[in-house]
Amino acid sequence: MSTHTEVEVPLLRAPGLAAPHGFTTRAGGVSQGPFATLNLGAHVGDAPEAVQENRDRLLKASGLERLAVLDQIHGADVVELRLSDARDDLAPCAIGDAAITRDPGLGLCIGSADCLPILIDGGTSGWVGSEGFSGSGTGCGGTSGSMHGGPNHLGAAEANACQGWALLAGTCAGAGAGA
């Protein structure tokens, strides 16, 4: 899997949050120049081999089986993803602003260059979600509000799941990618 010297990928974690989760920093990857070091985005001009190695390192550090990467938009589309949706190449597996899953081995990888990364824990419902929030007043653009519809996307029987949401976010300029 990894062809480079093993380096630990640090993951920021929220104490007390039961769902497997983590937020990356820029440390622990192999990308060079303006992408140094842990660039996970294949759409910004980084070497594809470096992006793949960085994603492999993230998988190893997180203990996840697969990563699902969105082609993110600044909208309100919530996409439900399964392990089978994750791709073996660097292409995104879906278009949307936020993703949810019930598959514990699937990492929901969102970018947050101009947004705040948000991790949502659905509590006892068994689902987790992630989105890049571009709320008014953050300097990141317009209001997203994607996850306001998350529980409804899964069905009315799980509407109480939004009680279990948790937010872990940095500043707009310093935010990393969620996994």
Foldseek 3Di string as FASTA:
>chain_A
DADDDFDAFDFDDDPPAPAQWTFGAQPGFPWDDPSHGLRCAPPPPTDQVRNVNSLVNVCVNRVADAEAEEPEDQEQDEAEDDPVQGDPGSDHSYYYFKYKYLHRRYFYKYFQQLFWKFKFFLPPVRMIMIGGAQDPPQRRDHGHCNCVCVQVVVPPVSNVSNVRTDTDTDHSNRGGIID
